[in-house]
Amino acid sequence: MTTCTTRRIIAASTGVHPYTVYQWAKGLPNCPEPIGSHGRTLLLPAEETYAWLKSHGRATPEQIDAMREREVLA
């Protein structure tokens, strides 16, 4: 099983709207591709996504820890 995160988890942990996370994914290079979905929710590879957020200055280590607490399995 793979640990995953979602745009809603990222948004809740960073204090932004989910659409903002969508815009980050479209506007910044090398955004991790979804590895699956649950209904309409895209599942993103957790560790790759956290590294991407950190490298683009979009999440602090504390925010990433908060995301890890809400990870889902795929």
N, C-alpha and C. Protein backbone atom coordinates (compact mmCIF):
# COMPACT_ATOMS: atom_id res chain seq x y z
N MET A 1 0.83 -1.18 0.00
CA MET A 1 0.00 0.00 0.00
C MET A 1 0.89 1.26 0.00
N THR A 2 0.38 2.29 -0.60
CA THR A 2 1.09 3.56 -0.70
C THR A 2 0.37 4.61 0.14
N THR A 3 1.15 5.42 0.85
CA THR A 3 0.51 6.52 1.59
C THR A 3 0.28 7.68 0.64
N CYS A 4 -0.89 8.29 0.79
CA CYS A 4 -1.31 9.36 -0.11
C CYS A 4 -1.82 10.54 0.69
N THR A 5 -1.85 11.67 0.02
CA THR A 5 -2.47 12.87 0.54
C THR A 5 -3.43 13.39 -0.52
N THR A 6 -4.21 14.38 -0.16
CA THR A 6 -5.17 14.96 -1.10
C THR A 6 -5.05 16.48 -1.08
N ARG A 7 -5.64 17.11 -2.06
CA ARG A 7 -5.61 18.58 -2.10
C ARG A 7 -6.32 19.17 -0.89
N ARG A 8 -7.38 18.52 -0.44
CA ARG A 8 -8.10 19.02 0.74
C ARG A 8 -7.23 18.94 2.00
N ILE A 9 -6.48 17.85 2.13
CA ILE A 9 -5.57 17.71 3.28
C ILE A 9 -4.50 18.80 3.22
N ILE A 10 -3.93 19.00 2.03
CA ILE A 10 -2.91 20.04 1.85
C ILE A 10 -3.51 21.41 2.19
N ALA A 11 -4.69 21.69 1.67
CA ALA A 11 -5.33 22.98 1.92
C ALA A 11 -5.60 23.20 3.40
N ALA A 12 -6.14 22.19 4.07
CA ALA A 12 -6.46 22.32 5.49
C ALA A 12 -5.19 22.53 6.32
N SER A 13 -4.12 21.86 5.95
CA SER A 13 -2.88 21.95 6.71
C SER A 13 -2.11 23.24 6.46
N THR A 14 -2.28 23.82 5.28
CA THR A 14 -1.54 25.05 4.95
C THR A 14 -2.40 26.31 5.08
N GLY A 15 -3.69 26.13 5.34
CA GLY A 15 -4.57 27.27 5.56
C GLY A 15 -4.99 28.00 4.30
N VAL A 16 -5.03 27.27 3.18
CA VAL A 16 -5.47 27.88 1.93
C VAL A 16 -6.70 27.14 1.41
N HIS A 17 -7.34 27.69 0.41
CA HIS A 17 -8.50 27.06 -0.22
C HIS A 17 -8.02 25.92 -1.12
N PRO A 18 -8.79 24.82 -1.24
CA PRO A 18 -8.39 23.74 -2.14
C PRO A 18 -8.10 24.19 -3.57
N TYR A 19 -8.82 25.21 -4.04
CA TYR A 19 -8.56 25.71 -5.39
C TYR A 19 -7.15 26.31 -5.50
N THR A 20 -6.67 26.89 -4.42
CA THR A 20 -5.30 27.43 -4.41
C THR A 20 -4.30 26.30 -4.63
N VAL A 21 -4.53 25.17 -3.98
CA VAL A 21 -3.64 24.01 -4.16
C VAL A 21 -3.70 23.54 -5.62
N TYR A 22 -4.89 23.54 -6.20
CA TYR A 22 -5.05 23.20 -7.62
C TYR A 22 -4.22 24.15 -8.49
N GLN A 23 -4.27 25.43 -8.19
CA GLN A 23 -3.51 26.43 -8.96
C GLN A 23 -2.00 26.21 -8.81
N TRP A 24 -1.56 25.88 -7.59
CA TRP A 24 -0.14 25.56 -7.40
C TRP A 24 0.26 24.42 -8.32
N ALA A 25 -0.56 23.38 -8.34
CA ALA A 25 -0.24 22.19 -9.15
C ALA A 25 -0.17 22.52 -10.63
N LYS A 26 -1.00 23.44 -11.09
CA LYS A 26 -0.99 23.81 -12.50
C LYS A 26 0.12 24.80 -12.85
N GLY A 27 0.50 25.64 -11.89
CA GLY A 27 1.42 26.72 -12.20
C GLY A 27 2.88 26.48 -11.85
N LEU A 28 3.15 25.50 -11.01
CA LEU A 28 4.53 25.24 -10.60
C LEU A 28 5.04 23.98 -11.28
N PRO A 29 6.31 23.93 -11.61
CA PRO A 29 6.84 22.77 -12.33
C PRO A 29 6.93 21.52 -11.46
N ASN A 30 6.86 20.38 -12.13
CA ASN A 30 7.12 19.06 -11.55
C ASN A 30 6.15 18.64 -10.45
N CYS A 31 4.90 19.06 -10.54
CA CYS A 31 3.92 18.63 -9.56
C CYS A 31 3.72 17.11 -9.67
N PRO A 32 3.72 16.41 -8.55
CA PRO A 32 3.48 14.96 -8.61
C PRO A 32 2.11 14.64 -9.23
N GLU A 33 2.08 13.62 -10.05
CA GLU A 33 0.84 13.19 -10.68
C GLU A 33 0.02 12.35 -9.70
N PRO A 34 -1.30 12.46 -9.76
CA PRO A 34 -2.14 11.60 -8.92
C PRO A 34 -1.87 10.13 -9.23
N ILE A 35 -1.96 9.30 -8.21
CA ILE A 35 -1.73 7.86 -8.41
C ILE A 35 -3.03 7.08 -8.33
N GLY A 36 -4.11 7.79 -8.13
CA GLY A 36 -5.42 7.15 -8.07
C GLY A 36 -6.45 8.15 -7.64
N SER A 37 -7.63 7.63 -7.34
CA SER A 37 -8.70 8.51 -6.87
C SER A 37 -9.63 7.72 -5.96
N HIS A 38 -10.38 8.47 -5.19
CA HIS A 38 -11.43 7.92 -4.35
C HIS A 38 -12.64 8.78 -4.62
N GLY A 39 -13.54 8.30 -5.46
CA GLY A 39 -14.62 9.15 -5.94
C GLY A 39 -14.03 10.27 -6.78
N ARG A 40 -14.33 11.51 -6.41
CA ARG A 40 -13.78 12.66 -7.15
C ARG A 40 -12.49 13.19 -6.53
N THR A 41 -12.02 12.56 -5.48
CA THR A 41 -10.82 13.02 -4.78
C THR A 41 -9.58 12.37 -5.37
N LEU A 42 -8.66 13.19 -5.85
CA LEU A 42 -7.40 12.67 -6.39
C LEU A 42 -6.46 12.32 -5.25
N LEU A 43 -5.78 11.20 -5.38
CA LEU A 43 -4.81 10.76 -4.38
C LEU A 43 -3.41 11.03 -4.90
N LEU A 44 -2.64 11.78 -4.13
CA LEU A 44 -1.29 12.16 -4.51
C LEU A 44 -0.29 11.38 -3.67
N PRO A 45 0.84 10.96 -4.26
CA PRO A 45 1.85 10.25 -3.47
C PRO A 45 2.39 11.15 -2.36
N ALA A 46 2.24 10.72 -1.12
CA ALA A 46 2.49 11.59 0.02
C ALA A 46 3.90 12.16 0.06
N GLU A 47 4.92 11.34 0.16
CA GLU A 47 6.28 11.85 0.36
C GLU A 47 6.75 12.68 -0.82
N GLU A 48 6.43 12.27 -2.02
CA GLU A 48 6.81 13.04 -3.21
C GLU A 48 6.12 14.41 -3.20
N THR A 49 4.86 14.44 -2.79
CA THR A 49 4.10 15.68 -2.72
C THR A 49 4.66 16.60 -1.65
N TYR A 50 5.00 16.05 -0.48
CA TYR A 50 5.56 16.87 0.60
C TYR A 50 6.88 17.50 0.17
N ALA A 51 7.72 16.71 -0.50
CA ALA A 51 9.00 17.25 -0.97
C ALA A 51 8.76 18.37 -1.99
N TRP A 52 7.80 18.18 -2.86
CA TRP A 52 7.47 19.19 -3.87
C TRP A 52 6.98 20.47 -3.19
N LEU A 53 6.05 20.34 -2.22
CA LEU A 53 5.54 21.51 -1.51
C LEU A 53 6.68 22.26 -0.81
N LYS A 54 7.54 21.51 -0.15
CA LYS A 54 8.66 22.12 0.57
C LYS A 54 9.62 22.82 -0.39
N SER A 55 9.92 22.19 -1.52
CA SER A 55 10.87 22.77 -2.47
C SER A 55 10.35 24.06 -3.10
N HIS A 56 9.04 24.23 -3.13
CA HIS A 56 8.44 25.44 -3.70
C HIS A 56 7.99 26.43 -2.62
N GLY A 57 8.36 26.17 -1.37
CA GLY A 57 8.04 27.09 -0.29
C GLY A 57 6.56 27.18 0.03
N ARG A 58 5.82 26.11 -0.23
CA ARG A 58 4.37 26.13 -0.01
C ARG A 58 3.95 25.48 1.31
N ALA A 59 4.88 24.81 2.00
CA ALA A 59 4.54 24.17 3.28
C ALA A 59 5.75 24.14 4.19
N THR A 60 5.51 24.39 5.46
CA THR A 60 6.56 24.32 6.48
C THR A 60 6.67 22.89 6.98
N PRO A 61 7.76 22.55 7.66
CA PRO A 61 7.86 21.21 8.25
C PRO A 61 6.69 20.89 9.19
N GLU A 62 6.23 21.87 9.93
CA GLU A 62 5.10 21.66 10.84
C GLU A 62 3.82 21.35 10.06
N GLN A 63 3.61 22.04 8.96
CA GLN A 63 2.43 21.78 8.13
C GLN A 63 2.52 20.39 7.50
N ILE A 64 3.71 20.00 7.09
CA ILE A 64 3.88 18.67 6.52
C ILE A 64 3.61 17.60 7.58
N ASP A 65 4.04 17.83 8.81
CA ASP A 65 3.72 16.89 9.89
C ASP A 65 2.21 16.76 10.06
N ALA A 66 1.49 17.88 9.97
CA ALA A 66 0.03 17.84 10.09
C ALA A 66 -0.58 17.03 8.95
N MET A 67 -0.01 17.15 7.75
CA MET A 67 -0.50 16.37 6.61
C MET A 67 -0.26 14.88 6.84
N ARG A 68 0.89 14.55 7.37
CA ARG A 68 1.22 13.13 7.63
C ARG A 68 0.22 12.49 8.58
N GLU A 69 -0.30 13.26 9.52
CA GLU A 69 -1.28 12.73 10.46
C GLU A 69 -2.60 12.39 9.79
N ARG A 70 -2.85 12.91 8.60
CA ARG A 70 -4.12 12.70 7.90
C ARG A 70 -3.96 11.87 6.63
N GLU A 71 -2.80 11.26 6.42
CA GLU A 71 -2.58 10.46 5.21
C GLU A 71 -3.61 9.35 5.08
N VAL A 72 -3.80 8.95 3.83
CA VAL A 72 -4.68 7.83 3.52
C VAL A 72 -3.86 6.77 2.78
N LEU A 73 -4.35 5.54 2.78
CA LEU A 73 -3.68 4.45 2.07
C LEU A 73 -4.36 4.16 0.76
N ALA A 74 -3.57 3.88 -0.25
CA ALA A 74 -4.12 3.53 -1.56
C ALA A 74 -3.49 2.25 -2.04
